[in-house]
Amino acid sequence: MAARTEDSPLDASTPYARSKLRTESIFRDVLEYDGAGTLLALRIFNLSGPRFPDSLVQRLIRADAKHPVSVTGADTFVRDYMYQDDLVAILRKAIRLRRPGTQVVNVGTGYAVTTRELLTTLEIEPDAYVETSGEVNSSWADNSRMIQLFGVVPRPKPDRSWDSVSE
């Protein structure tokens, strides 16, 4: 599978994904009805950092033998993990962006990270996670439009420093 561009077919197989698509659609309808204005739809990939304790990265960092994390398809589950501070930098620039019409922008690192790679990079002990098999499930961003519009190049991949809060 390739990185998802803003024009890639969207997967609406979960209630969460359907709600995001419906929201985009509602805003497009309002813009079309109103005839003026702008819509900047940011498609944010897997956000992580200490302020997002439920993200897989954070749960793995905190996992231990007494509190293992369940992971599905360590070699087949692929995601694009975005650090919280990088998103904040993009949001600050997005607020000031004024372009008429509709603009859709993927917000991610552009790196495909398997769960196995995440386990290795984060140095997760084998007894701190339980692995189950899973089908191929991958989603990562083509972030070229994001970098072009906002000039922000995000941190490439999660590591243990993602557990620190910056000011």
N, C-alpha and C. Protein backbone atom coordinates (compact mmCIF):
# COMPACT_ATOMS: atom_id res chain seq x y z
N MET A 1 0.84 -1.18 0.00
CA MET A 1 0.00 0.00 0.00
C MET A 1 0.89 1.25 0.00
N ALA A 2 0.42 2.30 -0.61
CA ALA A 2 1.17 3.56 -0.69
C ALA A 2 0.63 4.55 0.33
N ALA A 3 1.40 5.61 0.52
CA ALA A 3 0.95 6.68 1.41
C ALA A 3 -0.35 7.26 0.86
N ARG A 4 -1.21 7.69 1.75
CA ARG A 4 -2.50 8.25 1.35
C ARG A 4 -2.34 9.73 1.01
N THR A 5 -2.79 10.07 -0.18
CA THR A 5 -2.83 11.48 -0.55
C THR A 5 -4.20 12.02 -0.16
N GLU A 6 -4.36 13.30 -0.30
CA GLU A 6 -5.66 13.91 0.00
C GLU A 6 -6.74 13.43 -0.96
N ASP A 7 -6.34 12.88 -2.11
CA ASP A 7 -7.29 12.39 -3.10
C ASP A 7 -7.49 10.87 -3.05
N SER A 8 -6.80 10.21 -2.14
CA SER A 8 -6.95 8.75 -2.02
C SER A 8 -8.37 8.42 -1.59
N PRO A 9 -8.88 7.26 -2.01
CA PRO A 9 -10.21 6.84 -1.54
C PRO A 9 -10.21 6.75 -0.02
N LEU A 10 -11.29 7.18 0.58
CA LEU A 10 -11.39 7.19 2.04
C LEU A 10 -12.11 5.94 2.53
N ASP A 11 -11.62 5.41 3.63
CA ASP A 11 -12.20 4.22 4.24
C ASP A 11 -13.16 4.64 5.33
N ALA A 12 -14.42 4.37 5.14
CA ALA A 12 -15.44 4.74 6.13
C ALA A 12 -15.99 3.49 6.81
N SER A 13 -15.10 2.57 7.17
CA SER A 13 -15.55 1.30 7.72
C SER A 13 -15.79 1.33 9.23
N THR A 14 -15.40 2.42 9.89
CA THR A 14 -15.64 2.50 11.33
C THR A 14 -16.53 3.71 11.63
N PRO A 15 -17.23 3.68 12.75
CA PRO A 15 -18.04 4.85 13.11
C PRO A 15 -17.21 6.13 13.23
N TYR A 16 -15.99 6.02 13.74
CA TYR A 16 -15.11 7.18 13.87
C TYR A 16 -14.79 7.77 12.49
N ALA A 17 -14.43 6.92 11.55
CA ALA A 17 -14.10 7.39 10.20
C ALA A 17 -15.33 8.01 9.53
N ARG A 18 -16.49 7.38 9.70
CA ARG A 18 -17.72 7.93 9.11
C ARG A 18 -18.05 9.29 9.70
N SER A 19 -17.83 9.47 11.00
CA SER A 19 -18.12 10.77 11.62
C SER A 19 -17.20 11.85 11.07
N LYS A 20 -15.94 11.52 10.82
CA LYS A 20 -15.02 12.50 10.26
C LYS A 20 -15.44 12.88 8.83
N LEU A 21 -15.84 11.89 8.05
CA LEU A 21 -16.27 12.16 6.67
C LEU A 21 -17.56 12.98 6.65
N ARG A 22 -18.49 12.66 7.54
CA ARG A 22 -19.74 13.43 7.62
C ARG A 22 -19.47 14.88 7.98
N THR A 23 -18.54 15.09 8.90
CA THR A 23 -18.20 16.46 9.31
C THR A 23 -17.64 17.24 8.13
N GLU A 24 -16.71 16.65 7.40
CA GLU A 24 -16.17 17.31 6.20
C GLU A 24 -17.29 17.64 5.23
N SER A 25 -18.19 16.69 5.03
CA SER A 25 -19.30 16.88 4.09
C SER A 25 -20.21 18.02 4.52
N ILE A 26 -20.52 18.10 5.80
CA ILE A 26 -21.37 19.18 6.31
C ILE A 26 -20.72 20.53 6.05
N PHE A 27 -19.43 20.64 6.35
CA PHE A 27 -18.75 21.91 6.12
C PHE A 27 -18.68 22.26 4.64
N ARG A 28 -18.51 21.27 3.78
CA ARG A 28 -18.52 21.53 2.33
C ARG A 28 -19.90 22.04 1.89
N ASP A 29 -20.95 21.42 2.43
CA ASP A 29 -22.32 21.85 2.09
C ASP A 29 -22.56 23.29 2.52
N VAL A 30 -22.12 23.64 3.72
CA VAL A 30 -22.28 25.00 4.21
C VAL A 30 -21.53 25.98 3.32
N LEU A 31 -20.31 25.64 2.96
CA LEU A 31 -19.50 26.50 2.09
C LEU A 31 -20.17 26.67 0.73
N GLU A 32 -20.69 25.58 0.18
CA GLU A 32 -21.37 25.64 -1.12
C GLU A 32 -22.65 26.48 -1.03
N TYR A 33 -23.40 26.30 0.03
CA TYR A 33 -24.65 27.04 0.21
C TYR A 33 -24.37 28.53 0.40
N ASP A 34 -23.38 28.83 1.21
CA ASP A 34 -23.04 30.21 1.53
C ASP A 34 -22.40 30.92 0.33
N GLY A 35 -21.65 30.17 -0.46
CA GLY A 35 -21.04 30.74 -1.66
C GLY A 35 -19.77 31.53 -1.42
N ALA A 36 -19.36 31.68 -0.21
CA ALA A 36 -18.13 32.41 0.09
C ALA A 36 -17.48 31.79 1.31
N GLY A 37 -16.22 32.04 1.47
CA GLY A 37 -15.53 31.55 2.64
C GLY A 37 -14.51 30.50 2.29
N THR A 38 -14.00 29.88 3.34
CA THR A 38 -12.96 28.88 3.16
C THR A 38 -13.24 27.67 4.04
N LEU A 39 -12.72 26.56 3.60
CA LEU A 39 -12.75 25.34 4.39
C LEU A 39 -11.36 24.74 4.33
N LEU A 40 -10.75 24.60 5.46
CA LEU A 40 -9.46 23.93 5.56
C LEU A 40 -9.69 22.68 6.40
N ALA A 41 -9.75 21.54 5.75
CA ALA A 41 -9.97 20.27 6.44
C ALA A 41 -8.62 19.61 6.68
N LEU A 42 -8.25 19.50 7.94
CA LEU A 42 -7.00 18.85 8.30
C LEU A 42 -7.29 17.40 8.65
N ARG A 43 -6.72 16.49 7.91
CA ARG A 43 -6.88 15.06 8.17
C ARG A 43 -5.68 14.61 8.99
N ILE A 44 -5.88 14.60 10.30
CA ILE A 44 -4.80 14.34 11.24
C ILE A 44 -4.65 12.84 11.44
N PHE A 45 -3.44 12.36 11.22
CA PHE A 45 -3.15 10.94 11.41
C PHE A 45 -2.91 10.69 12.90
N ASN A 46 -2.44 9.58 13.29
CA ASN A 46 -2.40 9.12 14.69
C ASN A 46 -1.57 10.03 15.59
N LEU A 47 -2.28 10.82 16.35
CA LEU A 47 -1.65 11.79 17.24
C LEU A 47 -1.13 11.10 18.50
N SER A 48 0.07 11.50 18.91
CA SER A 48 0.65 10.90 20.11
C SER A 48 1.46 11.95 20.87
N GLY A 49 1.75 11.63 22.09
CA GLY A 49 2.52 12.49 22.98
C GLY A 49 1.98 12.34 24.38
N PRO A 50 2.66 12.91 25.36
CA PRO A 50 2.25 12.71 26.75
C PRO A 50 0.86 13.26 27.07
N ARG A 51 0.37 14.18 26.26
CA ARG A 51 -0.97 14.71 26.50
C ARG A 51 -2.06 13.82 25.86
N PHE A 52 -1.63 12.72 25.24
CA PHE A 52 -2.55 11.76 24.63
C PHE A 52 -2.24 10.37 25.17
N PRO A 53 -2.56 10.13 26.45
CA PRO A 53 -2.17 8.88 27.10
C PRO A 53 -2.81 7.63 26.51
N ASP A 54 -3.89 7.77 25.75
CA ASP A 54 -4.54 6.59 25.18
C ASP A 54 -3.97 6.19 23.82
N SER A 55 -3.03 6.96 23.30
CA SER A 55 -2.43 6.59 22.01
C SER A 55 -1.58 5.33 22.21
N LEU A 56 -1.44 4.55 21.15
CA LEU A 56 -0.67 3.31 21.24
C LEU A 56 0.76 3.58 21.70
N VAL A 57 1.37 4.62 21.18
CA VAL A 57 2.75 4.94 21.57
C VAL A 57 2.84 5.14 23.08
N GLN A 58 1.96 5.95 23.63
CA GLN A 58 2.01 6.24 25.06
C GLN A 58 1.66 5.02 25.90
N ARG A 59 0.70 4.23 25.44
CA ARG A 59 0.36 3.02 26.20
C ARG A 59 1.53 2.05 26.22
N LEU A 60 2.26 1.94 25.10
CA LEU A 60 3.42 1.05 25.05
C LEU A 60 4.54 1.57 25.95
N ILE A 61 4.78 2.86 25.93
CA ILE A 61 5.84 3.42 26.78
C ILE A 61 5.58 3.11 28.25
N ARG A 62 4.33 3.09 28.64
CA ARG A 62 3.96 2.86 30.04
C ARG A 62 3.70 1.39 30.37
N ALA A 63 3.74 0.52 29.37
CA ALA A 63 3.42 -0.90 29.59
C ALA A 63 4.51 -1.60 30.40
N ASP A 64 4.09 -2.62 31.11
CA ASP A 64 5.02 -3.50 31.81
C ASP A 64 4.36 -4.88 31.92
N ALA A 65 5.04 -5.81 32.55
CA ALA A 65 4.52 -7.18 32.64
C ALA A 65 3.19 -7.25 33.39
N LYS A 66 2.99 -6.37 34.35
CA LYS A 66 1.73 -6.36 35.09
C LYS A 66 0.61 -5.65 34.34
N HIS A 67 0.99 -4.81 33.38
CA HIS A 67 0.01 -4.03 32.60
C HIS A 67 0.38 -4.09 31.12
N PRO A 68 0.29 -5.29 30.53
CA PRO A 68 0.68 -5.41 29.11
C PRO A 68 -0.35 -4.76 28.18
N VAL A 69 0.13 -4.37 27.03
CA VAL A 69 -0.72 -3.77 26.00
C VAL A 69 -0.99 -4.83 24.94
N SER A 70 -2.21 -4.90 24.48
CA SER A 70 -2.57 -5.81 23.40
C SER A 70 -2.28 -5.13 22.06
N VAL A 71 -1.53 -5.80 21.21
CA VAL A 71 -1.25 -5.29 19.86
C VAL A 71 -1.70 -6.32 18.84
N THR A 72 -2.30 -5.85 17.79
CA THR A 72 -2.82 -6.73 16.74
C THR A 72 -1.96 -6.59 15.50
N GLY A 73 -1.48 -7.71 15.00
CA GLY A 73 -0.72 -7.71 13.76
C GLY A 73 0.52 -6.85 13.80
N ALA A 74 1.46 -7.19 14.67
CA ALA A 74 2.66 -6.36 14.85
C ALA A 74 3.40 -6.12 13.54
N ASP A 75 3.32 -7.05 12.62
CA ASP A 75 4.02 -6.88 11.34
C ASP A 75 3.10 -6.39 10.22
N THR A 76 1.81 -6.37 10.48
CA THR A 76 0.84 -6.01 9.43
C THR A 76 0.05 -4.74 9.73
N PHE A 77 0.15 -4.22 10.95
CA PHE A 77 -0.54 -3.00 11.32
C PHE A 77 0.44 -1.85 11.16
N VAL A 78 0.14 -0.92 10.25
CA VAL A 78 1.05 0.16 9.89
C VAL A 78 0.33 1.49 10.07
N ARG A 79 0.97 2.42 10.77
CA ARG A 79 0.38 3.73 10.99
C ARG A 79 1.42 4.82 10.87
N ASP A 80 0.92 6.04 10.83
CA ASP A 80 1.73 7.26 10.76
C ASP A 80 1.47 7.98 12.09
N TYR A 81 2.49 8.04 12.94
CA TYR A 81 2.34 8.63 14.27
C TYR A 81 2.87 10.05 14.30
N MET A 82 2.03 10.99 14.69
CA MET A 82 2.34 12.42 14.70
C MET A 82 2.50 12.90 16.13
N TYR A 83 3.62 13.60 16.41
CA TYR A 83 3.86 14.11 17.76
C TYR A 83 3.03 15.35 18.01
N GLN A 84 2.49 15.47 19.22
CA GLN A 84 1.57 16.54 19.59
C GLN A 84 2.12 17.94 19.32
N ASP A 85 3.37 18.21 19.62
CA ASP A 85 3.93 19.55 19.42
C ASP A 85 4.02 19.91 17.95
N ASP A 86 4.25 18.92 17.09
CA ASP A 86 4.29 19.18 15.65
C ASP A 86 2.91 19.57 15.15
N LEU A 87 1.88 18.93 15.68
CA LEU A 87 0.51 19.30 15.31
C LEU A 87 0.21 20.73 15.75
N VAL A 88 0.62 21.09 16.95
CA VAL A 88 0.37 22.45 17.43
C VAL A 88 1.02 23.47 16.49
N ALA A 89 2.24 23.21 16.03
CA ALA A 89 2.91 24.12 15.10
C ALA A 89 2.11 24.27 13.81
N ILE A 90 1.55 23.17 13.33
CA ILE A 90 0.74 23.21 12.11
C ILE A 90 -0.56 23.96 12.34
N LEU A 91 -1.21 23.72 13.47
CA LEU A 91 -2.46 24.41 13.77
C LEU A 91 -2.26 25.92 13.86
N ARG A 92 -1.16 26.33 14.45
CA ARG A 92 -0.88 27.78 14.53
C ARG A 92 -0.76 28.40 13.15
N LYS A 93 -0.13 27.68 12.24
CA LYS A 93 0.01 28.20 10.87
C LYS A 93 -1.30 28.11 10.11
N ALA A 94 -2.07 27.05 10.37
CA ALA A 94 -3.35 26.86 9.67
C ALA A 94 -4.34 27.95 10.01
N ILE A 95 -4.31 28.42 11.25
CA ILE A 95 -5.23 29.48 11.68
C ILE A 95 -5.03 30.74 10.85
N ARG A 96 -3.79 30.99 10.45
CA ARG A 96 -3.49 32.21 9.69
C ARG A 96 -3.64 32.03 8.18
N LEU A 97 -3.85 30.81 7.73
CA LEU A 97 -3.96 30.55 6.29
C LEU A 97 -5.31 31.03 5.76
N ARG A 98 -5.29 31.86 4.78
CA ARG A 98 -6.52 32.39 4.18
C ARG A 98 -6.53 32.09 2.69
N ARG A 99 -7.22 31.05 2.32
CA ARG A 99 -7.37 30.69 0.91
C ARG A 99 -8.84 30.41 0.66
N PRO A 100 -9.42 31.06 -0.33
CA PRO A 100 -10.83 30.81 -0.62
C PRO A 100 -11.05 29.38 -1.11
N GLY A 101 -12.23 28.88 -0.86
CA GLY A 101 -12.59 27.55 -1.33
C GLY A 101 -12.24 26.48 -0.33
N THR A 102 -12.17 25.25 -0.84
CA THR A 102 -11.93 24.09 0.00
C THR A 102 -10.50 23.59 -0.17
N GLN A 103 -9.86 23.32 0.94
CA GLN A 103 -8.51 22.78 0.94
C GLN A 103 -8.49 21.61 1.91
N VAL A 104 -8.04 20.45 1.47
CA VAL A 104 -7.89 19.28 2.33
C VAL A 104 -6.40 19.02 2.46
N VAL A 105 -5.97 18.80 3.70
CA VAL A 105 -4.54 18.60 3.95
C VAL A 105 -4.33 17.44 4.91
N ASN A 106 -3.52 16.48 4.49
CA ASN A 106 -3.11 15.40 5.39
C ASN A 106 -2.11 15.95 6.38
N VAL A 107 -2.28 15.60 7.65
CA VAL A 107 -1.36 16.03 8.69
C VAL A 107 -0.77 14.77 9.31
N GLY A 108 0.44 14.47 8.91
CA GLY A 108 1.15 13.29 9.40
C GLY A 108 2.63 13.43 9.11
N THR A 109 3.37 12.42 9.49
CA THR A 109 4.82 12.47 9.30
C THR A 109 5.25 12.00 7.92
N GLY A 110 4.40 11.19 7.29
CA GLY A 110 4.78 10.61 6.00
C GLY A 110 5.56 9.32 6.15
N TYR A 111 5.69 8.82 7.39
CA TYR A 111 6.43 7.59 7.63
C TYR A 111 5.48 6.46 7.99
N ALA A 112 5.65 5.33 7.33
CA ALA A 112 4.88 4.13 7.64
C ALA A 112 5.63 3.36 8.73
N VAL A 113 4.98 3.19 9.87
CA VAL A 113 5.62 2.53 11.01
C VAL A 113 4.79 1.31 11.39
N THR A 114 5.41 0.13 11.30
CA THR A 114 4.72 -1.07 11.76
C THR A 114 4.74 -1.10 13.28
N THR A 115 3.81 -1.83 13.85
CA THR A 115 3.81 -1.97 15.29
C THR A 115 5.09 -2.66 15.75
N ARG A 116 5.60 -3.58 14.96
CA ARG A 116 6.86 -4.26 15.32
C ARG A 116 7.99 -3.23 15.42
N GLU A 117 8.05 -2.31 14.45
CA GLU A 117 9.07 -1.26 14.49
C GLU A 117 8.88 -0.39 15.72
N LEU A 118 7.64 -0.10 16.05
CA LEU A 118 7.34 0.70 17.24
C LEU A 118 7.83 -0.01 18.50
N LEU A 119 7.56 -1.31 18.59
CA LEU A 119 8.01 -2.09 19.75
C LEU A 119 9.53 -2.06 19.88
N THR A 120 10.21 -2.17 18.75
CA THR A 120 11.68 -2.16 18.74
C THR A 120 12.23 -0.79 19.10
N THR A 121 11.73 0.25 18.43
CA THR A 121 12.23 1.61 18.65
C THR A 121 11.98 2.07 20.08
N LEU A 122 10.84 1.72 20.63
CA LEU A 122 10.50 2.12 22.00
C LEU A 122 11.12 1.19 23.05
N GLU A 123 11.79 0.13 22.57
CA GLU A 123 12.45 -0.84 23.44
C GLU A 123 11.48 -1.46 24.45
N ILE A 124 10.36 -1.94 23.91
CA ILE A 124 9.33 -2.55 24.74
C ILE A 124 9.70 -4.00 25.03
N GLU A 125 9.73 -4.35 26.29
CA GLU A 125 10.06 -5.72 26.70
C GLU A 125 8.97 -6.68 26.22
N PRO A 126 9.34 -7.90 25.83
CA PRO A 126 8.36 -8.87 25.32
C PRO A 126 7.21 -9.17 26.28
N ASP A 127 7.43 -9.08 27.57
CA ASP A 127 6.36 -9.37 28.52
C ASP A 127 5.44 -8.16 28.76
N ALA A 128 5.72 -7.04 28.08
CA ALA A 128 4.91 -5.83 28.26
C ALA A 128 3.84 -5.68 27.19
N TYR A 129 3.74 -6.67 26.29
CA TYR A 129 2.69 -6.63 25.29
C TYR A 129 2.24 -8.04 24.95
N VAL A 130 1.00 -8.12 24.46
CA VAL A 130 0.43 -9.38 24.02
C VAL A 130 0.06 -9.19 22.57
N GLU A 131 0.62 -10.04 21.72
CA GLU A 131 0.38 -9.90 20.28
C GLU A 131 -0.65 -10.90 19.79
N THR A 132 -1.59 -10.40 19.00
CA THR A 132 -2.54 -11.26 18.32
C THR A 132 -2.36 -11.04 16.82
N SER A 133 -2.78 -12.02 16.05
CA SER A 133 -2.62 -11.89 14.60
C SER A 133 -3.67 -10.93 14.05
N GLY A 134 -3.36 -10.38 12.91
CA GLY A 134 -4.30 -9.46 12.28
C GLY A 134 -4.01 -9.32 10.80
N GLU A 135 -5.01 -8.91 10.08
CA GLU A 135 -4.84 -8.70 8.65
C GLU A 135 -4.06 -7.41 8.40
N VAL A 136 -3.59 -7.26 7.18
CA VAL A 136 -2.89 -6.04 6.81
C VAL A 136 -3.83 -4.85 6.99
N ASN A 137 -3.36 -3.86 7.69
CA ASN A 137 -4.15 -2.67 7.96
C ASN A 137 -3.16 -1.51 8.01
N SER A 138 -3.12 -0.73 6.94
CA SER A 138 -2.11 0.33 6.90
C SER A 138 -2.70 1.66 6.46
N SER A 139 -2.16 2.70 7.09
CA SER A 139 -2.58 4.05 6.77
C SER A 139 -1.48 5.03 7.19
N TRP A 140 -0.89 5.67 6.20
CA TRP A 140 0.07 6.72 6.50
C TRP A 140 -0.07 7.81 5.46
N ALA A 141 0.38 9.00 5.84
CA ALA A 141 0.11 10.21 5.05
C ALA A 141 1.17 10.50 4.01
N ASP A 142 0.71 10.95 2.87
CA ASP A 142 1.56 11.71 1.97
C ASP A 142 1.42 13.14 2.50
N ASN A 143 2.46 13.66 3.13
CA ASN A 143 2.35 14.96 3.78
C ASN A 143 2.97 16.10 2.97
N SER A 144 3.18 15.88 1.70
CA SER A 144 3.84 16.90 0.88
C SER A 144 3.03 18.20 0.82
N ARG A 145 1.72 18.12 0.75
CA ARG A 145 0.89 19.33 0.73
C ARG A 145 1.02 20.07 2.07
N MET A 146 1.05 19.34 3.17
CA MET A 146 1.19 19.93 4.49
C MET A 146 2.50 20.71 4.60
N ILE A 147 3.59 20.08 4.18
CA ILE A 147 4.90 20.73 4.26
C ILE A 147 4.93 21.96 3.35
N GLN A 148 4.34 21.85 2.17
CA GLN A 148 4.31 22.98 1.24
C GLN A 148 3.51 24.15 1.81
N LEU A 149 2.35 23.88 2.39
CA LEU A 149 1.49 24.95 2.91
C LEU A 149 2.00 25.57 4.21
N PHE A 150 2.49 24.74 5.11
CA PHE A 150 2.81 25.22 6.44
C PHE A 150 4.30 25.30 6.75
N GLY A 151 5.13 24.64 5.93
CA GLY A 151 6.56 24.68 6.17
C GLY A 151 7.01 23.94 7.41
N VAL A 152 6.18 23.05 7.91
CA VAL A 152 6.52 22.29 9.11
C VAL A 152 6.91 20.87 8.70
N VAL A 153 8.11 20.47 9.10
CA VAL A 153 8.55 19.10 8.86
C VAL A 153 8.52 18.39 10.21
N PRO A 154 7.59 17.46 10.39
CA PRO A 154 7.42 16.83 11.71
C PRO A 154 8.53 15.82 12.03
N ARG A 155 8.63 15.51 13.32
CA ARG A 155 9.55 14.45 13.75
C ARG A 155 9.17 13.18 13.01
N PRO A 156 10.16 12.41 12.58
CA PRO A 156 9.84 11.29 11.70
C PRO A 156 9.14 10.10 12.35
N LYS A 157 9.63 9.63 13.48
CA LYS A 157 9.06 8.41 14.07
C LYS A 157 9.09 8.49 15.58
N PRO A 158 8.15 7.81 16.23
CA PRO A 158 8.11 7.84 17.69
C PRO A 158 9.37 7.26 18.32
N ASP A 159 9.77 7.86 19.43
CA ASP A 159 10.82 7.30 20.27
C ASP A 159 10.49 7.66 21.71
N ARG A 160 11.33 7.30 22.62
CA ARG A 160 11.06 7.53 24.05
C ARG A 160 10.95 9.00 24.41
N SER A 161 11.54 9.89 23.61
CA SER A 161 11.43 11.33 23.91
C SER A 161 9.99 11.82 23.78
N TRP A 162 9.15 11.06 23.11
CA TRP A 162 7.75 11.43 22.95
C TRP A 162 6.97 11.36 24.26
N ASP A 163 7.63 10.94 25.31
CA ASP A 163 6.99 10.87 26.60
C ASP A 163 7.25 12.13 27.43
N SER A 164 7.99 13.08 26.87
CA SER A 164 8.33 14.31 27.60
C SER A 164 7.41 15.45 27.16
N VAL A 165 7.01 16.24 28.13
CA VAL A 165 6.18 17.40 27.84
C VAL A 165 7.11 18.58 27.61
N SER A 166 6.95 19.24 26.47
CA SER A 166 7.73 20.46 26.22
C SER A 166 6.87 21.66 26.55
N GLU A 167 7.48 22.75 26.80
CA GLU A 167 6.75 23.98 27.17
C GLU A 167 6.35 24.75 25.95
